[in-house]
Every structure is written in structure tokens, then in C-alpha cells.
């Protein structure tokens, strides 16, 4: 009787553990809100396609990063946003200001100057 009870408990624990593997949690700073504005950033070696990207405060924004040349990712440290190449992220910029966009993958000799600005109006 003890063996069957122990086997039953172990089976239930295993089933619960396996069921939890398929679940994902929303990460901090991410949202499931439908964006009302979108920017697409194109990265090539040591530069983004624009110097300045302008968006509206308080409206959900989808930001996408496309690598045209090289391997890049972007981050906006003051907004705690990061996007890998070929991916996008939706967030709501809730404070007006000018924020630095920078490449977050060391990409060669021009990496330190690979920046742009996000202006939130």
C-alpha cells in the first residue's frame, strides 16, 4: 500500500512539473497590449538607419530590429527595453524625453558610437 501511494504522489508531481514546462510568464516591461504605433530600426555595421525616431508618449509602441549587416541587438537603458536582431517588443513609453538607443552586442570597431535617439513627445 505504501508503494502505491508513493507512486501515485510521484506521478502527480511529475505531471504537474511537465504541465508547467509549457507555460510562459510575461517578462517585466513587456505587454500584451496591441500597439498603436510602430518603428522599425535597421542596423548595419556601426549605425542605425536613422539618427532619431519619434513616438508619442502613453501609446503602446512596437519596436522591431532588423539586421541588414552584422549581428546587432538594441537597448534603451533608461526605458529598460532591449530587442534582439530579427525580433520586436511592445511597450508603452510613459514619460516624455529623449532616450539613447544603443547596440548591445559588441559588433566591431565602431560599436561604441552605434547610437541613435528615441524622442518621446
PDB file of N, CA and C in Angstrom:
ATOM      1  N   UNK A   1       0.813  -1.189   0.000  1.00  0.00           N
ATOM      2  CA  UNK A   1       0.000   0.000   0.000  1.00  0.00           C
ATOM      3  C   UNK A   1       0.862   1.261   0.000  1.00  0.00           C
ATOM      4  N   UNK A   2       1.943   1.244   0.757  1.00  0.00           N
ATOM      5  CA  UNK A   2       2.815   2.407   0.815  1.00  0.00           C
ATOM      6  C   UNK A   2       3.463   2.680  -0.531  1.00  0.00           C
ATOM      7  N   UNK A   3       3.849   1.631  -1.242  1.00  0.00           N
ATOM      8  CA  UNK A   3       4.490   1.803  -2.540  1.00  0.00           C
ATOM      9  C   UNK A   3       3.519   2.411  -3.547  1.00  0.00           C
ATOM     10  N   UNK A   4       2.281   1.982  -3.533  1.00  0.00           N
ATOM     11  CA  UNK A   4       1.308   2.519  -4.495  1.00  0.00           C
ATOM     12  C   UNK A   4       0.984   3.977  -4.185  1.00  0.00           C
ATOM     13  N   UNK A   5       0.905   4.348  -2.917  1.00  0.00           N
ATOM     14  CA  UNK A   5       0.646   5.745  -2.547  1.00  0.00           C
ATOM     15  C   UNK A   5       1.824   6.624  -2.951  1.00  0.00           C
ATOM     16  N   UNK A   6       3.027   6.139  -2.711  1.00  0.00           N
ATOM     17  CA  UNK A   6       4.226   6.882  -3.091  1.00  0.00           C
ATOM     18  C   UNK A   6       4.297   7.030  -4.610  1.00  0.00           C
ATOM     19  N   UNK A   7       3.976   5.974  -5.348  1.00  0.00           N
ATOM     20  CA  UNK A   7       3.970   6.009  -6.802  1.00  0.00           C
ATOM     21  C   UNK A   7       2.930   7.001  -7.318  1.00  0.00           C
ATOM     22  N   UNK A   8       1.761   7.023  -6.687  1.00  0.00           N
ATOM     23  CA  UNK A   8       0.711   7.962  -7.073  1.00  0.00           C
ATOM     24  C   UNK A   8       1.157   9.406  -6.837  1.00  0.00           C
ATOM     25  N   UNK A   9       1.741   9.688  -5.720  1.00  0.00           N
ATOM     26  CA  UNK A   9       2.227  11.042  -5.403  1.00  0.00           C
ATOM     27  C   UNK A   9       3.315  11.458  -6.379  1.00  0.00           C
ATOM     28  N   UNK A  10       4.252  10.567  -6.650  1.00  0.00           N
ATOM     29  CA  UNK A  10       5.334  10.890  -7.592  1.00  0.00           C
ATOM     30  C   UNK A  10       4.776  11.136  -8.995  1.00  0.00           C
ATOM     31  N   UNK A  11       3.765  10.380  -9.396  1.00  0.00           N
ATOM     32  CA  UNK A  11       3.150  10.567 -10.710  1.00  0.00           C
ATOM     33  C   UNK A  11       2.478  11.928 -10.815  1.00  0.00           C
ATOM     34  N   UNK A  12       1.759  12.322  -9.769  1.00  0.00           N
ATOM     35  CA  UNK A  12       1.087  13.630  -9.759  1.00  0.00           C
ATOM     36  C   UNK A  12       2.112  14.755  -9.821  1.00  0.00           C
ATOM     37  N   UNK A  13       3.185  14.639  -9.060  1.00  0.00           N
ATOM     38  CA  UNK A  13       4.238  15.658  -9.081  1.00  0.00           C
ATOM     39  C   UNK A  13       4.862  15.748 -10.469  1.00  0.00           C
ATOM     40  N   UNK A  14       5.133  14.627 -11.096  1.00  0.00           N
ATOM     41  CA  UNK A  14       5.712  14.606 -12.435  1.00  0.00           C
ATOM     42  C   UNK A  14       4.768  15.245 -13.455  1.00  0.00           C
ATOM     43  N   UNK A  15       3.498  14.934 -13.380  1.00  0.00           N
ATOM     44  CA  UNK A  15       2.516  15.522 -14.295  1.00  0.00           C
ATOM     45  C   UNK A  15       2.452  17.037 -14.118  1.00  0.00           C
ATOM     46  N   UNK A  16       2.427  17.501 -12.884  1.00  0.00           N
ATOM     47  CA  UNK A  16       2.396  18.951 -12.624  1.00  0.00           C
ATOM     48  C   UNK A  16       3.660  19.626 -13.134  1.00  0.00           C
ATOM     49  N   UNK A  17       4.798  18.997 -12.941  1.00  0.00           N
ATOM     50  CA  UNK A  17       6.062  19.579 -13.411  1.00  0.00           C
ATOM     51  C   UNK A  17       6.086  19.666 -14.933  1.00  0.00           C
ATOM     52  N   UNK A  18       5.635  18.615 -15.599  1.00  0.00           N
ATOM     53  CA  UNK A  18       5.607  18.629 -17.061  1.00  0.00           C
ATOM     54  C   UNK A  18       4.608  19.652 -17.589  1.00  0.00           C
ATOM     55  N   UNK A  19       3.484  19.808 -16.926  1.00  0.00           N
ATOM     56  CA  UNK A  19       2.485  20.792 -17.350  1.00  0.00           C
ATOM     57  C   UNK A  19       3.028  22.207 -17.219  1.00  0.00           C
ATOM     58  N   UNK A  20       3.831  22.456 -16.215  1.00  0.00           N
ATOM     59  CA  UNK A  20       4.402  23.791 -16.010  1.00  0.00           C
ATOM     60  C   UNK A  20       5.433  24.134 -17.068  1.00  0.00           C
ATOM     61  N   UNK A  21       6.042  23.148 -17.694  1.00  0.00           N
ATOM     62  CA  UNK A  21       7.066  23.407 -18.708  1.00  0.00           C
ATOM     63  C   UNK A  21       6.521  24.148 -19.912  1.00  0.00           C
ATOM     64  N   UNK A  22       5.276  23.956 -20.248  1.00  0.00           N
ATOM     65  CA  UNK A  22       4.700  24.597 -21.426  1.00  0.00           C
ATOM     66  C   UNK A  22       4.212  26.010 -21.179  1.00  0.00           C
ATOM     67  N   UNK A  23       4.197  26.438 -19.940  1.00  0.00           N
ATOM     68  CA  UNK A  23       3.692  27.767 -19.626  1.00  0.00           C
ATOM     69  C   UNK A  23       4.800  28.796 -19.704  1.00  0.00           C
ATOM     70  N   UNK A  24       4.444  29.996 -20.155  1.00  0.00           N
ATOM     71  CA  UNK A  24       5.404  31.083 -20.184  1.00  0.00           C
ATOM     72  C   UNK A  24       4.864  32.221 -19.346  1.00  0.00           C
ATOM     73  N   UNK A  25       5.754  32.969 -18.781  1.00  0.00           N
ATOM     74  CA  UNK A  25       5.366  34.124 -17.993  1.00  0.00           C
ATOM     75  C   UNK A  25       5.743  35.379 -18.746  1.00  0.00           C
ATOM     76  N   UNK A  26       4.931  36.399 -18.585  1.00  0.00           N
ATOM     77  CA  UNK A  26       5.237  37.679 -19.202  1.00  0.00           C
ATOM     78  C   UNK A  26       6.422  38.286 -18.461  1.00  0.00           C
ATOM     79  N   UNK A  27       7.407  38.717 -19.193  1.00  0.00           N
ATOM     80  CA  UNK A  27       8.583  39.310 -18.588  1.00  0.00           C
ATOM     81  C   UNK A  27       8.313  40.755 -18.218  1.00  0.00           C
ATOM     82  N   UNK A  28       9.031  41.252 -17.235  1.00  0.00           N
ATOM     83  CA  UNK A  28       8.878  42.635 -16.802  1.00  0.00           C
ATOM     84  C   UNK A  28       9.110  43.570 -17.974  1.00  0.00           C
ATOM     85  N   UNK A  29       8.264  44.566 -18.112  1.00  0.00           N
ATOM     86  CA  UNK A  29       8.422  45.554 -19.165  1.00  0.00           C
ATOM     87  C   UNK A  29       7.746  45.173 -20.468  1.00  0.00           C
ATOM     88  N   UNK A  30       7.313  43.921 -20.598  1.00  0.00           N
ATOM     89  CA  UNK A  30       6.629  43.501 -21.802  1.00  0.00           C
ATOM     90  C   UNK A  30       5.128  43.605 -21.573  1.00  0.00           C
ATOM     91  N   UNK A  31       4.404  43.746 -22.650  1.00  0.00           N
ATOM     92  CA  UNK A  31       2.964  43.874 -22.535  1.00  0.00           C
ATOM     93  C   UNK A  31       2.291  43.106 -23.662  1.00  0.00           C
ATOM     94  N   UNK A  32       1.060  42.730 -23.434  1.00  0.00           N
ATOM     95  CA  UNK A  32       0.290  42.061 -24.477  1.00  0.00           C
ATOM     96  C   UNK A  32      -0.666  43.039 -25.149  1.00  0.00           C
ATOM     97  N   UNK A  33      -0.507  44.311 -24.905  1.00  0.00           N
ATOM     98  CA  UNK A  33      -1.341  45.353 -25.482  1.00  0.00           C
ATOM     99  C   UNK A  33      -1.050  45.480 -26.978  1.00  0.00           C
ATOM    100  N   UNK A  34      -2.095  45.751 -27.759  1.00  0.00           N
ATOM    101  CA  UNK A  34      -1.924  45.970 -29.191  1.00  0.00           C
ATOM    102  C   UNK A  34      -1.291  47.337 -29.415  1.00  0.00           C
ATOM    103  N   UNK A  35      -0.187  47.391 -30.155  1.00  0.00           N
ATOM    104  CA  UNK A  35       0.484  48.676 -30.366  1.00  0.00           C
ATOM    105  C   UNK A  35      -0.320  49.605 -31.273  1.00  0.00           C
ATOM    106  N   UNK A  36      -0.260  50.891 -30.978  1.00  0.00           N
ATOM    107  CA  UNK A  36      -0.902  51.899 -31.824  1.00  0.00           C
ATOM    108  C   UNK A  36       0.133  52.659 -32.641  1.00  0.00           C
ATOM    109  N   UNK A  37       1.399  52.395 -32.384  1.00  0.00           N
ATOM    110  CA  UNK A  37       2.484  52.985 -33.163  1.00  0.00           C
ATOM    111  C   UNK A  37       3.595  51.954 -33.296  1.00  0.00           C
ATOM    112  N   UNK A  38       4.391  52.118 -34.346  1.00  0.00           N
ATOM    113  CA  UNK A  38       5.429  51.131 -34.618  1.00  0.00           C
ATOM    114  C   UNK A  38       6.625  51.804 -35.269  1.00  0.00           C
ATOM    115  N   UNK A  39       7.813  51.379 -34.841  1.00  0.00           N
ATOM    116  CA  UNK A  39       9.033  51.797 -35.538  1.00  0.00           C
ATOM    117  C   UNK A  39       9.845  50.549 -35.847  1.00  0.00           C
ATOM    118  N   UNK A  40      10.501  50.593 -36.994  1.00  0.00           N
ATOM    119  CA  UNK A  40      11.372  49.510 -37.407  1.00  0.00           C
ATOM    120  C   UNK A  40      12.773  50.093 -37.530  1.00  0.00           C
ATOM    121  N   UNK A  41      13.687  49.550 -36.759  1.00  0.00           N
ATOM    122  CA  UNK A  41      15.071  50.019 -36.753  1.00  0.00           C
ATOM    123  C   UNK A  41      15.885  49.041 -37.586  1.00  0.00           C
ATOM    124  N   UNK A  42      16.645  49.570 -38.531  1.00  0.00           N
ATOM    125  CA  UNK A  42      17.502  48.735 -39.359  1.00  0.00           C
ATOM    126  C   UNK A  42      18.949  48.979 -38.948  1.00  0.00           C
ATOM    127  N   UNK A  43      19.656  47.897 -38.630  1.00  0.00           N
ATOM    128  CA  UNK A  43      21.039  48.002 -38.167  1.00  0.00           C
ATOM    129  C   UNK A  43      21.993  47.448 -39.218  1.00  0.00           C
ATOM    130  N   UNK A  44      23.039  48.197 -39.458  1.00  0.00           N
ATOM    131  CA  UNK A  44      24.139  47.713 -40.282  1.00  0.00           C
ATOM    132  C   UNK A  44      25.404  47.975 -39.475  1.00  0.00           C
ATOM    133  N   UNK A  45      26.548  47.659 -40.028  1.00  0.00           N
ATOM    134  CA  UNK A  45      27.761  47.802 -39.229  1.00  0.00           C
ATOM    135  C   UNK A  45      27.977  49.239 -38.768  1.00  0.00           C
ATOM    136  N   UNK A  46      27.875  49.394 -37.475  1.00  0.00           N
ATOM    137  CA  UNK A  46      28.187  50.602 -36.727  1.00  0.00           C
ATOM    138  C   UNK A  46      27.217  51.758 -36.914  1.00  0.00           C
ATOM    139  N   UNK A  47      25.974  51.451 -37.397  1.00  0.00           N
ATOM    140  CA  UNK A  47      24.986  52.530 -37.464  1.00  0.00           C
ATOM    141  C   UNK A  47      23.577  51.958 -37.554  1.00  0.00           C
ATOM    142  N   UNK A  48      22.644  52.780 -37.099  1.00  0.00           N
ATOM    143  CA  UNK A  48      21.227  52.504 -37.292  1.00  0.00           C
ATOM    144  C   UNK A  48      20.774  53.322 -38.495  1.00  0.00           C
ATOM    145  N   UNK A  49      19.663  52.952 -39.102  1.00  0.00           N
ATOM    146  CA  UNK A  49      19.236  53.620 -40.333  1.00  0.00           C
ATOM    147  C   UNK A  49      18.787  55.068 -40.134  1.00  0.00           C
ATOM    148  N   UNK A  50      18.442  55.449 -38.915  1.00  0.00           N
ATOM    149  CA  UNK A  50      18.067  56.840 -38.622  1.00  0.00           C
ATOM    150  C   UNK A  50      18.813  57.314 -37.384  1.00  0.00           C
ATOM    151  N   UNK A  51      18.997  58.607 -37.307  1.00  0.00           N
ATOM    152  CA  UNK A  51      19.609  59.185 -36.104  1.00  0.00           C
ATOM    153  C   UNK A  51      18.579  59.396 -35.002  1.00  0.00           C
ATOM    154  N   UNK A  52      17.308  59.658 -35.418  1.00  0.00           N
ATOM    155  CA  UNK A  52      16.252  59.975 -34.459  1.00  0.00           C
ATOM    156  C   UNK A  52      14.961  59.258 -34.865  1.00  0.00           C
ATOM    157  N   UNK A  53      14.307  58.651 -33.890  1.00  0.00           N
ATOM    158  CA  UNK A  53      12.992  58.032 -34.052  1.00  0.00           C
ATOM    159  C   UNK A  53      12.063  58.758 -33.081  1.00  0.00           C
ATOM    160  N   UNK A  54      10.899  59.191 -33.556  1.00  0.00           N
ATOM    161  CA  UNK A  54       9.982  59.961 -32.720  1.00  0.00           C
ATOM    162  C   UNK A  54       8.674  59.201 -32.537  1.00  0.00           C
ATOM    163  N   UNK A  55       8.212  59.134 -31.280  1.00  0.00           N
ATOM    164  CA  UNK A  55       6.965  58.438 -30.944  1.00  0.00           C
ATOM    165  C   UNK A  55       6.165  59.287 -29.956  1.00  0.00           C
ATOM    166  N   UNK A  56       4.916  58.862 -29.712  1.00  0.00           N
ATOM    167  CA  UNK A  56       4.043  59.578 -28.792  1.00  0.00           C
ATOM    168  C   UNK A  56       4.051  58.915 -27.417  1.00  0.00           C
ATOM    169  N   UNK A  57       4.037  59.745 -26.404  1.00  0.00           N
ATOM    170  CA  UNK A  57       4.004  59.286 -25.018  1.00  0.00           C
ATOM    171  C   UNK A  57       2.647  58.646 -24.706  1.00  0.00           C
ATOM    172  N   UNK A  58       2.681  57.577 -23.934  1.00  0.00           N
ATOM    173  CA  UNK A  58       1.465  56.952 -23.447  1.00  0.00           C
ATOM    174  C   UNK A  58       0.755  56.041 -24.430  1.00  0.00           C
ATOM    175  N   UNK A  59       1.305  55.858 -25.626  1.00  0.00           N
ATOM    176  CA  UNK A  59       0.699  54.968 -26.620  1.00  0.00           C
ATOM    177  C   UNK A  59       1.590  53.746 -26.813  1.00  0.00           C
ATOM    178  N   UNK A  60       0.998  52.543 -26.805  1.00  0.00           N
ATOM    179  CA  UNK A  60       1.796  51.329 -26.979  1.00  0.00           C
ATOM    180  C   UNK A  60       2.610  51.374 -28.277  1.00  0.00           C
ATOM    181  N   UNK A  61       3.871  51.027 -28.159  1.00  0.00           N
ATOM    182  CA  UNK A  61       4.822  51.093 -29.264  1.00  0.00           C
ATOM    183  C   UNK A  61       5.401  49.709 -29.534  1.00  0.00           C
ATOM    184  N   UNK A  62       5.414  49.344 -30.803  1.00  0.00           N
ATOM    185  CA  UNK A  62       6.114  48.120 -31.217  1.00  0.00           C
ATOM    186  C   UNK A  62       7.410  48.567 -31.866  1.00  0.00           C
ATOM    187  N   UNK A  63       8.530  48.115 -31.300  1.00  0.00           N
ATOM    188  CA  UNK A  63       9.836  48.435 -31.861  1.00  0.00           C
ATOM    189  C   UNK A  63      10.453  47.135 -32.366  1.00  0.00           C
ATOM    190  N   UNK A  64      10.877  47.150 -33.632  1.00  0.00           N
ATOM    191  CA  UNK A  64      11.471  45.973 -34.261  1.00  0.00           C
ATOM    192  C   UNK A  64      12.897  46.289 -34.675  1.00  0.00           C
ATOM    193  N   UNK A  65      13.748  45.276 -34.634  1.00  0.00           N
ATOM    194  CA  UNK A  65      15.134  45.441 -35.065  1.00  0.00           C
ATOM    195  C   UNK A  65      15.435  44.449 -36.173  1.00  0.00           C
ATOM    196  N   UNK A  66      15.869  44.977 -37.303  1.00  0.00           N
ATOM    197  CA  UNK A  66      16.263  44.154 -38.440  1.00  0.00           C
ATOM    198  C   UNK A  66      17.741  44.369 -38.707  1.00  0.00           C
ATOM    199  N   UNK A  67      18.486  43.276 -38.741  1.00  0.00           N
ATOM    200  CA  UNK A  67      19.921  43.353 -39.022  1.00  0.00           C
ATOM    201  C   UNK A  67      20.140  43.269 -40.526  1.00  0.00           C
ATOM    202  N   UNK A  68      20.581  44.372 -41.105  1.00  0.00           N
ATOM    203  CA  UNK A  68      20.892  44.408 -42.535  1.00  0.00           C
ATOM    204  C   UNK A  68      22.301  43.871 -42.773  1.00  0.00           C
ATOM    205  N   UNK A  69      23.198  44.189 -41.844  1.00  0.00           N
ATOM    206  CA  UNK A  69      24.603  43.790 -41.954  1.00  0.00           C
ATOM    207  C   UNK A  69      25.142  43.575 -40.542  1.00  0.00           C
ATOM    208  N   UNK A  70      25.737  42.430 -40.301  1.00  0.00           N
ATOM    209  CA  UNK A  70      26.309  42.144 -38.989  1.00  0.00           C
ATOM    210  C   UNK A  70      25.276  41.635 -37.994  1.00  0.00           C
ATOM    211  N   UNK A  71      25.744  41.381 -36.777  1.00  0.00           N
ATOM    212  CA  UNK A  71      24.893  40.908 -35.683  1.00  0.00           C
ATOM    213  C   UNK A  71      24.727  42.039 -34.676  1.00  0.00           C
ATOM    214  N   UNK A  72      23.475  42.433 -34.426  1.00  0.00           N
ATOM    215  CA  UNK A  72      23.207  43.548 -33.523  1.00  0.00           C
ATOM    216  C   UNK A  72      21.990  43.251 -32.657  1.00  0.00           C
ATOM    217  N   UNK A  73      21.908  43.946 -31.566  1.00  0.00           N
ATOM    218  CA  UNK A  73      20.728  43.995 -30.709  1.00  0.00           C
ATOM    219  C   UNK A  73      20.671  45.436 -30.226  1.00  0.00           C
ATOM    220  N   UNK A  74      19.487  45.877 -29.818  1.00  0.00           N
ATOM    221  CA  UNK A  74      19.443  47.254 -29.323  1.00  0.00           C
ATOM    222  C   UNK A  74      18.925  47.280 -27.909  1.00  0.00           C
ATOM    223  N   UNK A  75      19.314  48.325 -27.222  1.00  0.00           N
ATOM    224  CA  UNK A  75      18.780  48.561 -25.892  1.00  0.00           C
ATOM    225  C   UNK A  75      18.563  50.047 -25.698  1.00  0.00           C
ATOM    226  N   UNK A  76      17.555  50.336 -24.889  1.00  0.00           N
ATOM    227  CA  UNK A  76      17.276  51.704 -24.471  1.00  0.00           C
ATOM    228  C   UNK A  76      17.340  51.655 -22.944  1.00  0.00           C
ATOM    229  N   UNK A  77      18.521  51.852 -22.383  1.00  0.00           N
ATOM    230  CA  UNK A  77      18.723  51.620 -20.951  1.00  0.00           C
ATOM    231  C   UNK A  77      17.754  52.369 -20.039  1.00  0.00           C
ATOM    232  N   UNK A  78      17.484  53.639 -20.319  1.00  0.00           N
ATOM    233  CA  UNK A  78      16.626  54.422 -19.438  1.00  0.00           C
ATOM    234  C   UNK A  78      15.173  53.962 -19.450  1.00  0.00           C
ATOM    235  N   UNK A  79      14.775  53.208 -20.479  1.00  0.00           N
ATOM    236  CA  UNK A  79      13.423  52.662 -20.550  1.00  0.00           C
ATOM    237  C   UNK A  79      13.391  51.169 -20.240  1.00  0.00           C
ATOM    238  N   UNK A  80      14.581  50.605 -19.970  1.00  0.00           N
ATOM    239  CA  UNK A  80      14.718  49.174 -19.663  1.00  0.00           C
ATOM    240  C   UNK A  80      14.126  48.304 -20.778  1.00  0.00           C
ATOM    241  N   UNK A  81      14.470  48.655 -22.022  1.00  0.00           N
ATOM    242  CA  UNK A  81      13.987  47.933 -23.197  1.00  0.00           C
ATOM    243  C   UNK A  81      15.173  47.364 -23.947  1.00  0.00           C
ATOM    244  N   UNK A  82      15.064  46.113 -24.368  1.00  0.00           N
ATOM    245  CA  UNK A  82      16.081  45.517 -25.232  1.00  0.00           C
ATOM    246  C   UNK A  82      15.383  44.648 -26.270  1.00  0.00           C
ATOM    247  N   UNK A  83      15.953  44.641 -27.476  1.00  0.00           N
ATOM    248  CA  UNK A  83      15.383  43.891 -28.595  1.00  0.00           C
ATOM    249  C   UNK A  83      16.527  43.211 -29.340  1.00  0.00           C
ATOM    250  N   UNK A  84      16.417  41.919 -29.538  1.00  0.00           N
ATOM    251  CA  UNK A  84      17.409  41.181 -30.313  1.00  0.00           C
ATOM    252  C   UNK A  84      17.128  41.363 -31.798  1.00  0.00           C
ATOM    253  N   UNK A  85      18.162  41.190 -32.617  1.00  0.00           N
ATOM    254  CA  UNK A  85      18.008  41.290 -34.065  1.00  0.00           C
ATOM    255  C   UNK A  85      16.966  40.309 -34.583  1.00  0.00           C
ATOM    256  N   UNK A  86      16.101  40.785 -35.471  1.00  0.00           N
ATOM    257  CA  UNK A  86      15.056  39.954 -36.029  1.00  0.00           C
ATOM    258  C   UNK A  86      13.834  39.806 -35.149  1.00  0.00           C
ATOM    259  N   UNK A  87      13.812  40.512 -34.042  1.00  0.00           N
ATOM    260  CA  UNK A  87      12.695  40.402 -33.096  1.00  0.00           C
ATOM    261  C   UNK A  87      12.069  41.774 -32.873  1.00  0.00           C
ATOM    262  N   UNK A  88      10.997  41.786 -32.090  1.00  0.00           N
ATOM    263  CA  UNK A  88      10.341  43.043 -31.745  1.00  0.00           C
ATOM    264  C   UNK A  88       9.845  42.972 -30.315  1.00  0.00           C
ATOM    265  N   UNK A  89       9.480  44.125 -29.797  1.00  0.00           N
ATOM    266  CA  UNK A  89       8.966  44.226 -28.434  1.00  0.00           C
ATOM    267  C   UNK A  89       7.913  45.316 -28.409  1.00  0.00           C
ATOM    268  N   UNK A  90       6.874  45.098 -27.621  1.00  0.00           N
ATOM    269  CA  UNK A  90       5.832  46.101 -27.435  1.00  0.00           C
ATOM    270  C   UNK A  90       5.934  46.627 -26.010  1.00  0.00           C
ATOM    271  N   UNK A  91       5.958  47.941 -25.882  1.00  0.00           N
ATOM    272  CA  UNK A  91       5.970  48.583 -24.571  1.00  0.00           C
ATOM    273  C   UNK A  91       5.326  49.954 -24.707  1.00  0.00           C
ATOM    274  N   UNK A  92       5.012  50.561 -23.599  1.00  0.00           N
ATOM    275  CA  UNK A  92       4.395  51.881 -23.622  1.00  0.00           C
ATOM    276  C   UNK A  92       5.342  52.889 -22.989  1.00  0.00           C
ATOM    277  N   UNK A  93       5.903  53.797 -23.805  1.00  0.00           N
ATOM    278  CA  UNK A  93       6.748  54.853 -23.234  1.00  0.00           C
ATOM    279  C   UNK A  93       5.844  55.847 -22.503  1.00  0.00           C
ATOM    280  N   UNK A  94       5.991  55.933 -21.191  1.00  0.00           N
ATOM    281  CA  UNK A  94       5.063  56.748 -20.410  1.00  0.00           C
ATOM    282  C   UNK A  94       5.646  58.059 -19.900  1.00  0.00           C
ATOM    283  N   UNK A  95       6.859  58.367 -20.321  1.00  0.00           N
ATOM    284  CA  UNK A  95       7.482  59.618 -19.889  1.00  0.00           C
ATOM    285  C   UNK A  95       8.137  60.285 -21.099  1.00  0.00           C
ATOM    286  N   UNK A  96       7.784  61.544 -21.328  1.00  0.00           N
ATOM    287  CA  UNK A  96       8.379  62.293 -22.440  1.00  0.00           C
ATOM    288  C   UNK A  96       9.866  62.500 -22.191  1.00  0.00           C
ATOM    289  N   UNK A  97      10.615  62.563 -23.273  1.00  0.00           N
ATOM    290  CA  UNK A  97      12.046  62.802 -23.153  1.00  0.00           C
ATOM    291  C   UNK A  97      12.785  62.259 -24.358  1.00  0.00           C
ATOM    292  N   UNK A  98      14.092  62.400 -24.311  1.00  0.00           N
ATOM    293  CA  UNK A  98      14.961  61.881 -25.358  1.00  0.00           C
ATOM    294  C   UNK A  98      15.818  60.785 -24.749  1.00  0.00           C
ATOM    295  N   UNK A  99      15.783  59.616 -25.367  1.00  0.00           N
ATOM    296  CA  UNK A  99      16.449  58.434 -24.838  1.00  0.00           C
ATOM    297  C   UNK A  99      17.463  57.894 -25.844  1.00  0.00           C
ATOM    298  N   UNK A 100      18.562  57.387 -25.332  1.00  0.00           N
ATOM    299  CA  UNK A 100      19.609  56.828 -26.191  1.00  0.00           C
ATOM    300  C   UNK A 100      19.296  55.379 -26.542  1.00  0.00           C
ATOM    301  N   UNK A 101      19.347  55.103 -27.839  1.00  0.00           N
ATOM    302  CA  UNK A 101      19.268  53.737 -28.350  1.00  0.00           C
ATOM    303  C   UNK A 101      20.707  53.336 -28.662  1.00  0.00           C
ATOM    304  N   UNK A 102      21.128  52.169 -28.186  1.00  0.00           N
ATOM    305  CA  UNK A 102      22.495  51.737 -28.457  1.00  0.00           C
ATOM    306  C   UNK A 102      22.523  50.259 -28.803  1.00  0.00           C
ATOM    307  N   UNK A 103      23.534  49.891 -29.552  1.00  0.00           N
ATOM    308  CA  UNK A 103      23.751  48.485 -29.879  1.00  0.00           C
ATOM    309  C   UNK A 103      24.268  47.796 -28.616  1.00  0.00           C
ATOM    310  N   UNK A 104      23.699  46.632 -28.315  1.00  0.00           N
ATOM    311  CA  UNK A 104      24.101  45.937 -27.093  1.00  0.00           C
ATOM    312  C   UNK A 104      24.929  44.682 -27.352  1.00  0.00           C
ATOM    313  N   UNK A 105      25.330  44.470 -28.605  1.00  0.00           N
ATOM    314  CA  UNK A 105      26.225  43.356 -28.937  1.00  0.00           C
ATOM    315  C   UNK A 105      27.520  43.957 -29.489  1.00  0.00           C
ATOM    316  N   UNK A 106      28.660  43.697 -28.864  1.00  0.00           N
ATOM    317  CA  UNK A 106      29.915  44.222 -29.402  1.00  0.00           C
ATOM    318  C   UNK A 106      30.067  43.775 -30.863  1.00  0.00           C
ATOM    319  N   UNK A 107      30.060  44.747 -31.769  1.00  0.00           N
ATOM    320  CA  UNK A 107      29.986  44.426 -33.196  1.00  0.00           C
ATOM    321  C   UNK A 107      31.193  44.920 -33.985  1.00  0.00           C
ATOM    322  N   UNK A 108      32.247  45.288 -33.301  1.00  0.00           N
ATOM    323  CA  UNK A 108      33.445  45.707 -34.018  1.00  0.00           C
ATOM    324  C   UNK A 108      33.926  47.081 -33.594  1.00  0.00           C
ATOM    325  N   UNK A 109      34.802  47.633 -34.398  1.00  0.00           N
ATOM    326  CA  UNK A 109      35.499  48.867 -34.032  1.00  0.00           C
ATOM    327  C   UNK A 109      34.580  50.076 -33.871  1.00  0.00           C
ATOM    328  N   UNK A 110      33.434  50.108 -34.532  1.00  0.00           N
ATOM    329  CA  UNK A 110      32.527  51.251 -34.416  1.00  0.00           C
ATOM    330  C   UNK A 110      31.398  51.041 -33.434  1.00  0.00           C
ATOM    331  N   UNK A 111      31.448  49.966 -32.657  1.00  0.00           N
ATOM    332  CA  UNK A 111      30.372  49.627 -31.724  1.00  0.00           C
ATOM    333  C   UNK A 111      30.067  50.756 -30.738  1.00  0.00           C
ATOM    334  N   UNK A 112      31.083  51.367 -30.181  1.00  0.00           N
ATOM    335  CA  UNK A 112      30.861  52.371 -29.131  1.00  0.00           C
ATOM    336  C   UNK A 112      30.125  53.611 -29.632  1.00  0.00           C
ATOM    337  N   UNK A 113      30.130  53.854 -30.932  1.00  0.00           N
ATOM    338  CA  UNK A 113      29.441  55.022 -31.465  1.00  0.00           C
ATOM    339  C   UNK A 113      28.129  54.654 -32.182  1.00  0.00           C
ATOM    340  N   UNK A 114      27.730  53.388 -32.064  1.00  0.00           N
ATOM    341  CA  UNK A 114      26.489  52.932 -32.717  1.00  0.00           C
ATOM    342  C   UNK A 114      25.314  53.303 -31.831  1.00  0.00           C
ATOM    343  N   UNK A 115      24.813  54.529 -32.007  1.00  0.00           N
ATOM    344  CA  UNK A 115      23.709  55.030 -31.196  1.00  0.00           C
ATOM    345  C   UNK A 115      22.715  55.804 -32.069  1.00  0.00           C
ATOM    346  N   UNK A 116      21.541  55.968 -31.523  1.00  0.00           N
ATOM    347  CA  UNK A 116      20.502  56.800 -32.126  1.00  0.00           C
ATOM    348  C   UNK A 116      19.687  57.345 -30.951  1.00  0.00           C
ATOM    349  N   UNK A 117      18.676  58.140 -31.253  1.00  0.00           N
ATOM    350  CA  UNK A 117      17.830  58.725 -30.206  1.00  0.00           C
ATOM    351  C   UNK A 117      16.381  58.309 -30.420  1.00  0.00           C
ATOM    352  N   UNK A 118      15.684  58.058 -29.316  1.00  0.00           N
ATOM    353  CA  UNK A 118      14.247  57.876 -29.326  1.00  0.00           C
ATOM    354  C   UNK A 118      13.658  59.090 -28.627  1.00  0.00           C
ATOM    355  N   UNK A 119      12.882  59.875 -29.369  1.00  0.00           N
ATOM    356  CA  UNK A 119      12.231  61.046 -28.799  1.00  0.00           C
ATOM    357  C   UNK A 119      10.786  60.677 -28.503  1.00  0.00           C
ATOM    358  N   UNK A 120      10.402  60.802 -27.242  1.00  0.00           N
ATOM    359  CA  UNK A 120       9.033  60.530 -26.802  1.00  0.00           C
ATOM    360  C   UNK A 120       8.389  61.880 -26.539  1.00  0.00           C
ATOM    361  N   UNK A 121       7.359  62.202 -27.336  1.00  0.00           N
ATOM    362  CA  UNK A 121       6.685  63.516 -27.222  1.00  0.00           C
ATOM    363  C   UNK A 121       5.385  63.401 -26.453  1.00  0.00           C
TER     364      UNK A 121
END
